[in-house]
Amino acid sequence: MSSEQQDKPISRVHVWVSGRVQGVGFRAFVVDSAEYIGVTGWVRNVGWDTVEAVAEGSPQQTEQFVKMMKTGPSVSRVNEHRIEEEMPTGEFAGFEVRYSR
Protein backbone atom coordinates (compact mmCIF):
# COMPACT_ATOMS: atom_id res chain seq x y z
CA MET A 1 0.00 0.00 0.00
CA SER A 2 1.45 3.38 -0.96
CA SER A 3 1.77 6.18 1.58
CA GLU A 4 -0.85 8.09 -0.43
CA GLN A 5 -3.32 5.21 0.05
CA GLN A 6 -2.45 4.96 3.76
CA ASP A 7 -3.25 8.66 4.25
CA LYS A 8 -6.79 8.32 2.88
CA PRO A 9 -9.53 7.78 5.48
CA ILE A 10 -11.00 4.29 5.36
CA SER A 11 -14.50 3.32 6.44
CA ARG A 12 -16.23 -0.04 6.78
CA VAL A 13 -19.91 -0.83 6.44
CA HIS A 14 -21.81 -4.02 7.24
CA VAL A 15 -25.03 -4.19 5.24
CA TRP A 16 -28.03 -6.53 5.28
CA VAL A 17 -30.81 -6.27 2.70
CA SER A 18 -33.91 -8.43 2.57
CA GLY A 19 -36.77 -8.93 0.18
CA ARG A 20 -36.57 -10.39 -3.31
CA VAL A 21 -32.77 -10.52 -3.25
CA GLN A 22 -31.98 -14.20 -3.87
CA GLY A 23 -32.25 -15.99 -7.20
CA VAL A 24 -32.10 -12.66 -9.05
CA GLY A 25 -28.34 -12.21 -9.50
CA PHE A 26 -28.01 -9.91 -6.49
CA ARG A 27 -24.61 -11.22 -5.33
CA ALA A 28 -23.12 -11.01 -8.83
CA PHE A 29 -24.50 -7.46 -9.11
CA VAL A 30 -22.91 -6.57 -5.76
CA VAL A 31 -19.51 -7.98 -6.80
CA ASP A 32 -19.55 -6.12 -10.13
CA SER A 33 -20.69 -2.90 -8.46
CA ALA A 34 -18.13 -3.20 -5.64
CA GLU A 35 -15.32 -3.67 -8.14
CA TYR A 36 -16.55 -0.67 -10.14
CA ILE A 37 -16.84 1.49 -6.99
CA GLY A 38 -13.45 0.28 -5.74
CA VAL A 39 -14.37 -1.19 -2.36
CA THR A 40 -13.06 -4.45 -0.93
CA GLY A 41 -14.96 -7.03 1.12
CA TRP A 42 -17.49 -9.80 0.61
CA VAL A 43 -21.15 -10.67 0.02
CA ARG A 44 -23.22 -13.77 0.87
CA ASN A 45 -26.77 -15.08 1.13
CA VAL A 46 -28.24 -15.44 4.61
CA GLY A 47 -31.38 -17.48 5.15
CA TRP A 48 -33.86 -17.45 2.30
CA ASP A 49 -34.50 -13.73 1.79
CA THR A 50 -31.42 -11.80 2.95
CA VAL A 51 -28.08 -10.78 1.47
CA GLU A 52 -25.27 -9.66 3.79
CA ALA A 53 -22.16 -7.72 2.74
CA VAL A 54 -19.13 -6.03 4.26
CA ALA A 55 -17.25 -3.34 2.36
CA GLU A 56 -14.21 -1.17 3.05
CA GLY A 57 -13.09 1.91 1.16
CA SER A 58 -13.15 5.66 1.40
CA PRO A 59 -16.20 7.19 3.06
CA GLN A 60 -17.47 8.24 -0.38
CA GLN A 61 -16.99 4.72 -1.77
CA THR A 62 -18.78 3.01 1.12
CA GLU A 63 -21.63 5.53 0.87
CA GLN A 64 -21.98 4.69 -2.83
CA PHE A 65 -21.84 0.97 -1.96
CA VAL A 66 -24.70 1.33 0.56
CA LYS A 67 -26.84 3.17 -2.02
CA MET A 68 -26.19 0.38 -4.53
CA MET A 69 -27.13 -2.29 -1.96
CA LYS A 70 -30.40 -0.51 -1.18
CA THR A 71 -31.28 -0.48 -4.89
CA GLY A 72 -29.94 -3.79 -6.24
CA PRO A 73 -30.39 -5.06 -9.79
CA SER A 74 -33.60 -4.16 -11.62
CA VAL A 75 -35.14 -7.62 -11.09
CA SER A 76 -34.70 -7.47 -7.30
CA ARG A 77 -36.79 -5.74 -4.66
CA VAL A 78 -35.22 -4.58 -1.41
CA ASN A 79 -37.91 -4.35 1.29
CA GLU A 80 -35.69 -3.75 4.32
CA HIS A 81 -32.09 -2.83 4.99
CA ARG A 82 -29.78 -2.49 7.97
CA ILE A 83 -26.43 -0.72 7.92
CA GLU A 84 -23.79 -0.75 10.65
CA GLU A 85 -20.54 1.19 10.54
CA GLU A 86 -17.62 -0.82 11.88
CA MET A 87 -13.92 -0.27 12.48
CA PRO A 88 -12.01 -0.96 9.25
CA THR A 89 -9.46 -3.78 9.36
CA GLY A 90 -7.85 -3.57 5.93
CA GLU A 91 -8.08 -7.37 5.73
CA PHE A 92 -9.47 -7.62 2.19
CA ALA A 93 -7.50 -7.72 -1.06
CA GLY A 94 -10.56 -7.67 -3.32
CA PHE A 95 -14.30 -8.30 -3.27
CA GLU A 96 -15.66 -11.87 -3.20
CA VAL A 97 -18.75 -14.02 -2.82
CA ARG A 98 -18.76 -16.03 0.38
CA TYR A 99 -21.05 -18.99 0.68
CA SER A 100 -23.39 -19.66 3.59
CA ARG A 101 -22.35 -22.42 5.97
PDB file of N, CA and C in Angstrom:
ATOM      1  N   MET A   1       0.856  -1.171   0.000  1.00  0.00           N
ATOM      2  CA  MET A   1       0.000   0.000   0.000  1.00  0.00           C
ATOM      3  C   MET A   1       0.898   1.229   0.000  1.00  0.00           C
ATOM      4  N   SER A   2       0.640   2.169  -0.886  1.00  0.00           N
ATOM      5  CA  SER A   2       1.446   3.383  -0.965  1.00  0.00           C
ATOM      6  C   SER A   2       1.117   4.302   0.202  1.00  0.00           C
ATOM      7  N   SER A   3       2.040   5.244   0.482  1.00  0.00           N
ATOM      8  CA  SER A   3       1.774   6.180   1.580  1.00  0.00           C
ATOM      9  C   SER A   3       0.568   7.048   1.265  1.00  0.00           C
ATOM     10  N   GLU A   4       0.331   7.314  -0.037  1.00  0.00           N
ATOM     11  CA  GLU A   4      -0.849   8.093  -0.428  1.00  0.00           C
ATOM     12  C   GLU A   4      -2.122   7.344  -0.052  1.00  0.00           C
ATOM     13  N   GLN A   5      -2.149   6.015  -0.300  1.00  0.00           N
ATOM     14  CA  GLN A   5      -3.320   5.215   0.051  1.00  0.00           C
ATOM     15  C   GLN A   5      -3.491   5.139   1.565  1.00  0.00           C
ATOM     16  N   GLN A   6      -2.375   5.062   2.312  1.00  0.00           N
ATOM     17  CA  GLN A   6      -2.455   4.963   3.762  1.00  0.00           C
ATOM     18  C   GLN A   6      -3.005   6.242   4.381  1.00  0.00           C
ATOM     19  N   ASP A   7      -2.794   7.386   3.724  1.00  0.00           N
ATOM     20  CA  ASP A   7      -3.254   8.661   4.254  1.00  0.00           C
ATOM     21  C   ASP A   7      -4.751   8.888   4.045  1.00  0.00           C
ATOM     22  N   LYS A   8      -5.372   8.137   3.154  1.00  0.00           N
ATOM     23  CA  LYS A   8      -6.794   8.319   2.880  1.00  0.00           C
ATOM     24  C   LYS A   8      -7.618   7.695   4.001  1.00  0.00           C
ATOM     25  N   PRO A   9      -8.678   8.380   4.442  1.00  0.00           N
ATOM     26  CA  PRO A   9      -9.530   7.784   5.478  1.00  0.00           C
ATOM     27  C   PRO A   9     -10.250   6.553   4.929  1.00  0.00           C
ATOM     28  N   ILE A  10     -10.346   5.538   5.752  1.00  0.00           N
ATOM     29  CA  ILE A  10     -11.001   4.292   5.364  1.00  0.00           C
ATOM     30  C   ILE A  10     -12.225   4.104   6.254  1.00  0.00           C
ATOM     31  N   SER A  11     -13.306   3.647   5.654  1.00  0.00           N
ATOM     32  CA  SER A  11     -14.497   3.319   6.437  1.00  0.00           C
ATOM     33  C   SER A  11     -14.922   1.898   6.100  1.00  0.00           C
ATOM     34  N   ARG A  12     -15.750   1.333   6.960  1.00  0.00           N
ATOM     35  CA  ARG A  12     -16.235  -0.044   6.783  1.00  0.00           C
ATOM     36  C   ARG A  12     -17.715  -0.056   7.099  1.00  0.00           C
ATOM     37  N   VAL A  13     -18.480  -0.678   6.221  1.00  0.00           N
ATOM     38  CA  VAL A  13     -19.912  -0.829   6.444  1.00  0.00           C
ATOM     39  C   VAL A  13     -20.283  -2.304   6.382  1.00  0.00           C
ATOM     40  N   HIS A  14     -21.243  -2.677   7.218  1.00  0.00           N
ATOM     41  CA  HIS A  14     -21.811  -4.024   7.235  1.00  0.00           C
ATOM     42  C   HIS A  14     -23.277  -3.832   6.878  1.00  0.00           C
ATOM     43  N   VAL A  15     -23.706  -4.454   5.794  1.00  0.00           N
ATOM     44  CA  VAL A  15     -25.034  -4.186   5.238  1.00  0.00           C
ATOM     45  C   VAL A  15     -25.828  -5.484   5.110  1.00  0.00           C
ATOM     46  N   TRP A  16     -27.091  -5.428   5.499  1.00  0.00           N
ATOM     47  CA  TRP A  16     -28.034  -6.525   5.276  1.00  0.00           C
ATOM     48  C   TRP A  16     -29.210  -5.958   4.497  1.00  0.00           C
ATOM     49  N   VAL A  17     -29.599  -6.644   3.434  1.00  0.00           N
ATOM     50  CA  VAL A  17     -30.809  -6.266   2.704  1.00  0.00           C
ATOM     51  C   VAL A  17     -31.686  -7.500   2.599  1.00  0.00           C
ATOM     52  N   SER A  18     -32.993  -7.305   2.701  1.00  0.00           N
ATOM     53  CA  SER A  18     -33.911  -8.433   2.575  1.00  0.00           C
ATOM     54  C   SER A  18     -35.064  -8.054   1.669  1.00  0.00           C
ATOM     55  N   GLY A  19     -35.690  -9.089   1.147  1.00  0.00           N
ATOM     56  CA  GLY A  19     -36.771  -8.934   0.182  1.00  0.00           C
ATOM     57  C   GLY A  19     -36.565  -9.942  -0.932  1.00  0.00           C
ATOM     58  N   ARG A  20     -36.816  -9.515  -2.149  1.00  0.00           N
ATOM     59  CA  ARG A  20     -36.569 -10.388  -3.311  1.00  0.00           C
ATOM     60  C   ARG A  20     -35.123 -10.158  -3.761  1.00  0.00           C
ATOM     61  N   VAL A  21     -34.191 -10.765  -3.021  1.00  0.00           N
ATOM     62  CA  VAL A  21     -32.771 -10.524  -3.248  1.00  0.00           C
ATOM     63  C   VAL A  21     -31.982 -11.809  -3.510  1.00  0.00           C
ATOM     64  N   GLN A  22     -32.659 -12.945  -3.539  1.00  0.00           N
ATOM     65  CA  GLN A  22     -31.983 -14.197  -3.866  1.00  0.00           C
ATOM     66  C   GLN A  22     -32.619 -14.789  -5.109  1.00  0.00           C
ATOM     67  N   GLY A  23     -31.773 -15.411  -5.943  1.00  0.00           N
ATOM     68  CA  GLY A  23     -32.252 -15.989  -7.195  1.00  0.00           C
ATOM     69  C   GLY A  23     -32.460 -14.951  -8.286  1.00  0.00           C
ATOM     70  N   VAL A  24     -31.932 -13.745  -8.075  1.00  0.00           N
ATOM     71  CA  VAL A  24     -32.104 -12.660  -9.054  1.00  0.00           C
ATOM     72  C   VAL A  24     -30.765 -12.048  -9.467  1.00  0.00           C
ATOM     73  N   GLY A  25     -29.659 -12.720  -9.136  1.00  0.00           N
ATOM     74  CA  GLY A  25     -28.340 -12.209  -9.496  1.00  0.00           C
ATOM     75  C   GLY A  25     -27.837 -11.095  -8.598  1.00  0.00           C
ATOM     76  N   PHE A  26     -28.375 -11.010  -7.385  1.00  0.00           N
ATOM     77  CA  PHE A  26     -28.012  -9.910  -6.490  1.00  0.00           C
ATOM     78  C   PHE A  26     -26.536  -9.957  -6.108  1.00  0.00           C
ATOM     79  N   ARG A  27     -26.021 -11.138  -5.737  1.00  0.00           N
ATOM     80  CA  ARG A  27     -24.613 -11.225  -5.326  1.00  0.00           C
ATOM     81  C   ARG A  27     -23.672 -10.865  -6.468  1.00  0.00           C
ATOM     82  N   ALA A  28     -23.959 -11.350  -7.672  1.00  0.00           N
ATOM     83  CA  ALA A  28     -23.118 -11.006  -8.829  1.00  0.00           C
ATOM     84  C   ALA A  28     -23.163  -9.505  -9.094  1.00  0.00           C
ATOM     85  N   PHE A  29     -24.345  -8.909  -8.953  1.00  0.00           N
ATOM     86  CA  PHE A  29     -24.500  -7.463  -9.109  1.00  0.00           C
ATOM     87  C   PHE A  29     -23.664  -6.721  -8.070  1.00  0.00           C
ATOM     88  N   VAL A  30     -23.676  -7.208  -6.826  1.00  0.00           N
ATOM     89  CA  VAL A  30     -22.907  -6.568  -5.759  1.00  0.00           C
ATOM     90  C   VAL A  30     -21.410  -6.651  -6.054  1.00  0.00           C
ATOM     91  N   VAL A  31     -20.931  -7.823  -6.483  1.00  0.00           N
ATOM     92  CA  VAL A  31     -19.506  -7.976  -6.799  1.00  0.00           C
ATOM     93  C   VAL A  31     -19.103  -7.027  -7.920  1.00  0.00           C
ATOM     94  N   ASP A  32     -19.869  -7.016  -9.008  1.00  0.00           N
ATOM     95  CA  ASP A  32     -19.553  -6.124 -10.134  1.00  0.00           C
ATOM     96  C   ASP A  32     -19.565  -4.663  -9.697  1.00  0.00           C
ATOM     97  N   SER A  33     -20.572  -4.282  -8.926  1.00  0.00           N
ATOM     98  CA  SER A  33     -20.689  -2.897  -8.460  1.00  0.00           C
ATOM     99  C   SER A  33     -19.557  -2.538  -7.508  1.00  0.00           C
ATOM    100  N   ALA A  34     -19.215  -3.451  -6.605  1.00  0.00           N
ATOM    101  CA  ALA A  34     -18.133  -3.203  -5.643  1.00  0.00           C
ATOM    102  C   ALA A  34     -16.810  -2.996  -6.367  1.00  0.00           C
ATOM    103  N   GLU A  35     -16.555  -3.823  -7.377  1.00  0.00           N
ATOM    104  CA  GLU A  35     -15.317  -3.674  -8.142  1.00  0.00           C
ATOM    105  C   GLU A  35     -15.309  -2.353  -8.892  1.00  0.00           C
ATOM    106  N   TYR A  36     -16.443  -1.946  -9.434  1.00  0.00           N
ATOM    107  CA  TYR A  36     -16.546  -0.666 -10.139  1.00  0.00           C
ATOM    108  C   TYR A  36     -16.334   0.509  -9.174  1.00  0.00           C
ATOM    109  N   ILE A  37     -16.955   0.426  -7.996  1.00  0.00           N
ATOM    110  CA  ILE A  37     -16.840   1.487  -6.991  1.00  0.00           C
ATOM    111  C   ILE A  37     -15.425   1.532  -6.412  1.00  0.00           C
ATOM    112  N   GLY A  38     -14.804   0.349  -6.277  1.00  0.00           N
ATOM    113  CA  GLY A  38     -13.446   0.279  -5.743  1.00  0.00           C
ATOM    114  C   GLY A  38     -13.358  -0.098  -4.280  1.00  0.00           C
ATOM    115  N   VAL A  39     -14.413  -0.728  -3.746  1.00  0.00           N
ATOM    116  CA  VAL A  39     -14.368  -1.192  -2.360  1.00  0.00           C
ATOM    117  C   VAL A  39     -13.898  -2.639  -2.314  1.00  0.00           C
ATOM    118  N   THR A  40     -13.436  -3.063  -1.146  1.00  0.00           N
ATOM    119  CA  THR A  40     -13.056  -4.452  -0.927  1.00  0.00           C
ATOM    120  C   THR A  40     -13.998  -5.043   0.112  1.00  0.00           C
ATOM    121  N   GLY A  41     -14.096  -6.387   0.139  1.00  0.00           N
ATOM    122  CA  GLY A  41     -14.957  -7.032   1.122  1.00  0.00           C
ATOM    123  C   GLY A  41     -15.571  -8.298   0.588  1.00  0.00           C
ATOM    124  N   TRP A  42     -16.812  -8.566   1.005  1.00  0.00           N
ATOM    125  CA  TRP A  42     -17.492  -9.796   0.610  1.00  0.00           C
ATOM    126  C   TRP A  42     -19.008  -9.636   0.656  1.00  0.00           C
ATOM    127  N   VAL A  43     -19.687 -10.614   0.030  1.00  0.00           N
ATOM    128  CA  VAL A  43     -21.149 -10.672   0.018  1.00  0.00           C
ATOM    129  C   VAL A  43     -21.565 -12.134   0.126  1.00  0.00           C
ATOM    130  N   ARG A  44     -22.698 -12.404   0.788  1.00  0.00           N
ATOM    131  CA  ARG A  44     -23.218 -13.774   0.870  1.00  0.00           C
ATOM    132  C   ARG A  44     -24.718 -13.756   1.131  1.00  0.00           C
ATOM    133  N   ASN A  45     -25.364 -14.880   0.804  1.00  0.00           N
ATOM    134  CA  ASN A  45     -26.774 -15.079   1.133  1.00  0.00           C
ATOM    135  C   ASN A  45     -26.880 -15.499   2.594  1.00  0.00           C
ATOM    136  N   VAL A  46     -27.950 -15.048   3.238  1.00  0.00           N
ATOM    137  CA  VAL A  46     -28.242 -15.439   4.614  1.00  0.00           C
ATOM    138  C   VAL A  46     -29.711 -15.831   4.645  1.00  0.00           C
ATOM    139  N   GLY A  47     -29.993 -17.040   5.124  1.00  0.00           N
ATOM    140  CA  GLY A  47     -31.384 -17.477   5.147  1.00  0.00           C
ATOM    141  C   GLY A  47     -31.944 -17.549   3.739  1.00  0.00           C
ATOM    142  N   TRP A  48     -33.232 -17.327   3.612  1.00  0.00           N
ATOM    143  CA  TRP A  48     -33.860 -17.455   2.298  1.00  0.00           C
ATOM    144  C   TRP A  48     -34.215 -16.120   1.661  1.00  0.00           C
ATOM    145  N   ASP A  49     -34.090 -15.008   2.389  1.00  0.00           N
ATOM    146  CA  ASP A  49     -34.498 -13.732   1.790  1.00  0.00           C
ATOM    147  C   ASP A  49     -33.583 -12.561   2.139  1.00  0.00           C
ATOM    148  N   THR A  50     -32.334 -12.862   2.525  1.00  0.00           N
ATOM    149  CA  THR A  50     -31.423 -11.800   2.948  1.00  0.00           C
ATOM    150  C   THR A  50     -30.062 -11.963   2.293  1.00  0.00           C
ATOM    151  N   VAL A  51     -29.458 -10.834   1.945  1.00  0.00           N
ATOM    152  CA  VAL A  51     -28.080 -10.785   1.473  1.00  0.00           C
ATOM    153  C   VAL A  51     -27.313  -9.902   2.449  1.00  0.00           C
ATOM    154  N   GLU A  52     -26.130 -10.372   2.844  1.00  0.00           N
ATOM    155  CA  GLU A  52     -25.267  -9.664   3.788  1.00  0.00           C
ATOM    156  C   GLU A  52     -23.967  -9.311   3.080  1.00  0.00           C
ATOM    157  N   ALA A  53     -23.427  -8.134   3.355  1.00  0.00           N
ATOM    158  CA  ALA A  53     -22.163  -7.725   2.745  1.00  0.00           C
ATOM    159  C   ALA A  53     -21.366  -6.851   3.701  1.00  0.00           C
ATOM    160  N   VAL A  54     -20.052  -6.914   3.552  1.00  0.00           N
ATOM    161  CA  VAL A  54     -19.126  -6.035   4.264  1.00  0.00           C
ATOM    162  C   VAL A  54     -18.259  -5.375   3.209  1.00  0.00           C
ATOM    163  N   ALA A  55     -18.071  -4.064   3.329  1.00  0.00           N
ATOM    164  CA  ALA A  55     -17.247  -3.340   2.360  1.00  0.00           C
ATOM    165  C   ALA A  55     -16.368  -2.323   3.067  1.00  0.00           C
ATOM    166  N   GLU A  56     -15.138  -2.182   2.561  1.00  0.00           N
ATOM    167  CA  GLU A  56     -14.210  -1.172   3.053  1.00  0.00           C
ATOM    168  C   GLU A  56     -13.738  -0.316   1.891  1.00  0.00           C
ATOM    169  N   GLY A  57     -13.583   0.959   2.151  1.00  0.00           N
ATOM    170  CA  GLY A  57     -13.092   1.908   1.159  1.00  0.00           C
ATOM    171  C   GLY A  57     -13.140   3.300   1.752  1.00  0.00           C
ATOM    172  N   SER A  58     -13.027   4.290   0.905  1.00  0.00           N
ATOM    173  CA  SER A  58     -13.146   5.662   1.396  1.00  0.00           C
ATOM    174  C   SER A  58     -14.587   5.893   1.849  1.00  0.00           C
ATOM    175  N   PRO A  59     -14.822   6.904   2.658  1.00  0.00           N
ATOM    176  CA  PRO A  59     -16.203   7.188   3.059  1.00  0.00           C
ATOM    177  C   PRO A  59     -17.135   7.392   1.858  1.00  0.00           C
ATOM    178  N   GLN A  60     -16.649   8.027   0.813  1.00  0.00           N
ATOM    179  CA  GLN A  60     -17.471   8.236  -0.383  1.00  0.00           C
ATOM    180  C   GLN A  60     -17.778   6.907  -1.075  1.00  0.00           C
ATOM    181  N   GLN A  61     -16.778   6.021  -1.139  1.00  0.00           N
ATOM    182  CA  GLN A  61     -16.991   4.717  -1.770  1.00  0.00           C
ATOM    183  C   GLN A  61     -17.982   3.870  -0.985  1.00  0.00           C
ATOM    184  N   THR A  62     -17.858   3.840   0.338  1.00  0.00           N
ATOM    185  CA  THR A  62     -18.783   3.013   1.117  1.00  0.00           C
ATOM    186  C   THR A  62     -20.194   3.593   1.094  1.00  0.00           C
ATOM    187  N   GLU A  63     -20.310   4.913   1.010  1.00  0.00           N
ATOM    188  CA  GLU A  63     -21.633   5.530   0.869  1.00  0.00           C
ATOM    189  C   GLU A  63     -22.273   5.113  -0.453  1.00  0.00           C
ATOM    190  N   GLN A  64     -21.484   5.116  -1.520  1.00  0.00           N
ATOM    191  CA  GLN A  64     -21.985   4.689  -2.827  1.00  0.00           C
ATOM    192  C   GLN A  64     -22.356   3.205  -2.794  1.00  0.00           C
ATOM    193  N   PHE A  65     -21.561   2.395  -2.091  1.00  0.00           N
ATOM    194  CA  PHE A  65     -21.837   0.970  -1.959  1.00  0.00           C
ATOM    195  C   PHE A  65     -23.178   0.747  -1.261  1.00  0.00           C
ATOM    196  N   VAL A  66     -23.429   1.464  -0.178  1.00  0.00           N
ATOM    197  CA  VAL A  66     -24.696   1.331   0.556  1.00  0.00           C
ATOM    198  C   VAL A  66     -25.870   1.697  -0.349  1.00  0.00           C
ATOM    199  N   LYS A  67     -25.757   2.784  -1.099  1.00  0.00           N
ATOM    200  CA  LYS A  67     -26.837   3.174  -2.022  1.00  0.00           C
ATOM    201  C   LYS A  67     -27.107   2.067  -3.028  1.00  0.00           C
ATOM    202  N   MET A  68     -26.047   1.461  -3.559  1.00  0.00           N
ATOM    203  CA  MET A  68     -26.192   0.380  -4.526  1.00  0.00           C
ATOM    204  C   MET A  68     -26.878  -0.821  -3.884  1.00  0.00           C
ATOM    205  N   MET A  69     -26.511  -1.158  -2.646  1.00  0.00           N
ATOM    206  CA  MET A  69     -27.128  -2.294  -1.960  1.00  0.00           C
ATOM    207  C   MET A  69     -28.616  -2.051  -1.718  1.00  0.00           C
ATOM    208  N   LYS A  70     -28.994  -0.823  -1.420  1.00  0.00           N
ATOM    209  CA  LYS A  70     -30.403  -0.506  -1.182  1.00  0.00           C
ATOM    210  C   LYS A  70     -31.228  -0.613  -2.457  1.00  0.00           C
ATOM    211  N   THR A  71     -30.585  -0.451  -3.600  1.00  0.00           N
ATOM    212  CA  THR A  71     -31.277  -0.478  -4.893  1.00  0.00           C
ATOM    213  C   THR A  71     -31.263  -1.862  -5.512  1.00  0.00           C
ATOM    214  N   GLY A  72     -30.087  -2.466  -5.637  1.00  0.00           N
ATOM    215  CA  GLY A  72     -29.943  -3.787  -6.238  1.00  0.00           C
ATOM    216  C   GLY A  72     -30.201  -3.781  -7.727  1.00  0.00           C
ATOM    217  N   PRO A  73     -30.102  -4.964  -8.354  1.00  0.00           N
ATOM    218  CA  PRO A  73     -30.388  -5.057  -9.787  1.00  0.00           C
ATOM    219  C   PRO A  73     -31.880  -4.830 -10.052  1.00  0.00           C
ATOM    220  N   SER A  74     -32.212  -4.531 -11.285  1.00  0.00           N
ATOM    221  CA  SER A  74     -33.598  -4.161 -11.624  1.00  0.00           C
ATOM    222  C   SER A  74     -34.618  -5.257 -11.320  1.00  0.00           C
ATOM    223  N   VAL A  75     -34.198  -6.526 -11.334  1.00  0.00           N
ATOM    224  CA  VAL A  75     -35.143  -7.625 -11.087  1.00  0.00           C
ATOM    225  C   VAL A  75     -35.320  -7.933  -9.599  1.00  0.00           C
ATOM    226  N   SER A  76     -34.584  -7.236  -8.747  1.00  0.00           N
ATOM    227  CA  SER A  76     -34.701  -7.466  -7.303  1.00  0.00           C
ATOM    228  C   SER A  76     -35.669  -6.459  -6.684  1.00  0.00           C
ATOM    229  N   ARG A  77     -35.981  -6.694  -5.419  1.00  0.00           N
ATOM    230  CA  ARG A  77     -36.791  -5.741  -4.662  1.00  0.00           C
ATOM    231  C   ARG A  77     -36.306  -5.768  -3.212  1.00  0.00           C
ATOM    232  N   VAL A  78     -35.701  -4.685  -2.784  1.00  0.00           N
ATOM    233  CA  VAL A  78     -35.225  -4.577  -1.406  1.00  0.00           C
ATOM    234  C   VAL A  78     -36.354  -3.997  -0.562  1.00  0.00           C
ATOM    235  N   ASN A  79     -36.830  -4.788   0.400  1.00  0.00           N
ATOM    236  CA  ASN A  79     -37.909  -4.346   1.289  1.00  0.00           C
ATOM    237  C   ASN A  79     -37.378  -3.720   2.572  1.00  0.00           C
ATOM    238  N   GLU A  80     -36.267  -4.246   3.065  1.00  0.00           N
ATOM    239  CA  GLU A  80     -35.690  -3.755   4.315  1.00  0.00           C
ATOM    240  C   GLU A  80     -34.176  -3.741   4.188  1.00  0.00           C
ATOM    241  N   HIS A  81     -33.546  -2.852   4.944  1.00  0.00           N
ATOM    242  CA  HIS A  81     -32.090  -2.831   4.988  1.00  0.00           C
ATOM    243  C   HIS A  81     -31.620  -2.418   6.381  1.00  0.00           C
ATOM    244  N   ARG A  82     -30.423  -2.872   6.709  1.00  0.00           N
ATOM    245  CA  ARG A  82     -29.780  -2.488   7.967  1.00  0.00           C
ATOM    246  C   ARG A  82     -28.318  -2.210   7.661  1.00  0.00           C
ATOM    247  N   ILE A  83     -27.811  -1.104   8.164  1.00  0.00           N
ATOM    248  CA  ILE A  83     -26.428  -0.720   7.919  1.00  0.00           C
ATOM    249  C   ILE A  83     -25.757  -0.441   9.254  1.00  0.00           C
ATOM    250  N   GLU A  84     -24.587  -1.031   9.455  1.00  0.00           N
ATOM    251  CA  GLU A  84     -23.789  -0.754  10.645  1.00  0.00           C
ATOM    252  C   GLU A  84     -22.406  -0.307  10.200  1.00  0.00           C
ATOM    253  N   GLU A  85     -21.920   0.775  10.780  1.00  0.00           N
ATOM    254  CA  GLU A  85     -20.544   1.193  10.538  1.00  0.00           C
ATOM    255  C   GLU A  85     -19.663   0.455  11.533  1.00  0.00           C
ATOM    256  N   GLU A  86     -18.538  -0.065  11.042  1.00  0.00           N
ATOM    257  CA  GLU A  86     -17.616  -0.824  11.880  1.00  0.00           C
ATOM    258  C   GLU A  86     -16.212  -0.251  11.729  1.00  0.00           C
ATOM    259  N   MET A  87     -15.320  -0.684  12.594  1.00  0.00           N
ATOM    260  CA  MET A  87     -13.921  -0.273  12.482  1.00  0.00           C
ATOM    261  C   MET A  87     -13.293  -1.013  11.301  1.00  0.00           C
ATOM    262  N   PRO A  88     -12.653  -0.294  10.381  1.00  0.00           N
ATOM    263  CA  PRO A  88     -12.012  -0.965   9.252  1.00  0.00           C
ATOM    264  C   PRO A  88     -10.810  -1.787   9.711  1.00  0.00           C
ATOM    265  N   THR A  89     -10.576  -2.893   9.016  1.00  0.00           N
ATOM    266  CA  THR A  89      -9.462  -3.777   9.363  1.00  0.00           C
ATOM    267  C   THR A  89      -8.409  -3.837   8.264  1.00  0.00           C
ATOM    268  N   GLY A  90      -8.783  -3.479   7.040  1.00  0.00           N
ATOM    269  CA  GLY A  90      -7.845  -3.573   5.928  1.00  0.00           C
ATOM    270  C   GLY A  90      -7.511  -5.001   5.548  1.00  0.00           C
ATOM    271  N   GLU A  91      -8.369  -5.947   5.934  1.00  0.00           N
ATOM    272  CA  GLU A  91      -8.076  -7.371   5.734  1.00  0.00           C
ATOM    273  C   GLU A  91      -8.348  -7.878   4.319  1.00  0.00           C
ATOM    274  N   PHE A  92      -9.039  -7.120   3.493  1.00  0.00           N
ATOM    275  CA  PHE A  92      -9.472  -7.620   2.189  1.00  0.00           C
ATOM    276  C   PHE A  92      -8.552  -7.154   1.062  1.00  0.00           C
ATOM    277  N   ALA A  93      -8.305  -8.062   0.118  1.00  0.00           N
ATOM    278  CA  ALA A  93      -7.497  -7.724  -1.058  1.00  0.00           C
ATOM    279  C   ALA A  93      -8.386  -7.404  -2.253  1.00  0.00           C
ATOM    280  N   GLY A  94      -9.618  -7.879  -2.227  1.00  0.00           N
ATOM    281  CA  GLY A  94     -10.560  -7.673  -3.323  1.00  0.00           C
ATOM    282  C   GLY A  94     -11.969  -7.802  -2.790  1.00  0.00           C
ATOM    283  N   PHE A  95     -12.910  -8.107  -3.686  1.00  0.00           N
ATOM    284  CA  PHE A  95     -14.299  -8.301  -3.272  1.00  0.00           C
ATOM    285  C   PHE A  95     -14.736  -9.672  -3.754  1.00  0.00           C
ATOM    286  N   GLU A  96     -15.341 -10.483  -2.862  1.00  0.00           N
ATOM    287  CA  GLU A  96     -15.657 -11.867  -3.198  1.00  0.00           C
ATOM    288  C   GLU A  96     -17.033 -12.286  -2.698  1.00  0.00           C
ATOM    289  N   VAL A  97     -17.535 -13.357  -3.303  1.00  0.00           N
ATOM    290  CA  VAL A  97     -18.749 -14.018  -2.822  1.00  0.00           C
ATOM    291  C   VAL A  97     -18.316 -15.035  -1.775  1.00  0.00           C
ATOM    292  N   ARG A  98     -18.953 -14.994  -0.634  1.00  0.00           N
ATOM    293  CA  ARG A  98     -18.762 -16.026   0.385  1.00  0.00           C
ATOM    294  C   ARG A  98     -20.039 -16.839   0.420  1.00  0.00           C
ATOM    295  N   TYR A  99     -19.886 -18.110   0.691  1.00  0.00           N
ATOM    296  CA  TYR A  99     -21.047 -18.988   0.682  1.00  0.00           C
ATOM    297  C   TYR A  99     -21.499 -19.291   2.097  1.00  0.00           C
ATOM    298  N   SER A 100     -22.810 -19.367   2.280  1.00  0.00           N
ATOM    299  CA  SER A 100     -23.390 -19.661   3.592  1.00  0.00           C
ATOM    300  C   SER A 100     -22.905 -21.009   4.074  1.00  0.00           C
ATOM    301  N   ARG A 101     -22.810 -21.147   5.384  1.00  0.00           N
ATOM    302  CA  ARG A 101     -22.352 -22.422   5.968  1.00  0.00           C
ATOM    303  C   ARG A 101     -23.500 -23.341   6.221  1.00  0.00           C
TER     304      ARG A 101
END
